[in-house]
Amino acid sequence: MMLSAISRTWWLVALRGALAIVFGVAAFVWPGLTFDVLVLLFGAYAFVDGVVVLSFGLMAAGEHGRWWPLVVGGIVGLAIGVLTFVQPAATALALVYVIGAWAIVTGVLEIIGAIRLRKVITNEWLMGFSGAISIVFGAVVLAQPGTGALALVFLFGYYAILAGVSQIGLGFRLRRLGEALPHRAQSAASPSH
């Protein structure tokens, strides 16, 4: 059952949110980061996020057919993360475009996931909200590619914290849903009065 698979992986969604918050806070704690450190910070975030999303997709693959956006999102995150470590000397403008495109792709895939989950869970809007935050972040980055590295660090920090809080909220909502599943199954199996 799709609902069962989704609720069992609640901790991956919450972990993804917690990691986003850690990276967001790091951006504010060290605002004087050099652009090279920003590249590595973003690369680490994209890679870890890709691992978590890919894991979530692969765990869901055996249970239902709606796993592919997660796998695609995970692979994109991994690829972007690896690219930033393999080519850290890429020009600043190229990195800005990569960050913007990655955020938009991630946001679109999260919104697709939220739409597909709307009939299965309540409060799927948290996933959609996280996706919308990603799209807005990506659009702002692409619209203002000449933004200085410090402004980009703060923008990344805001984005990561907002998306992280949203993902943690969704993760705990999925956990509560999973805890209610045995009760729902038992209620459905018992005869009506």
Foldseek 3Di string as FASTA:
>chain_A
DLLLLLLVLLVLLLVLLVLLLVLLVVLVVCLVDDVLVVLLSQLVNLQVNLVSLLVSLVSSVVPDDPSVLSNVLSVLSNVSSVVCVVCVVPDLLVNLLSQLVNLQSCLVSLLVVLVVCVVPAPPSVLSNVLSVLSNVLSVVSVVCVVDDPSVNSNSSSVNSNSSSVSSSVSSVSSNVSNVCVVVVVVVVPDDDD
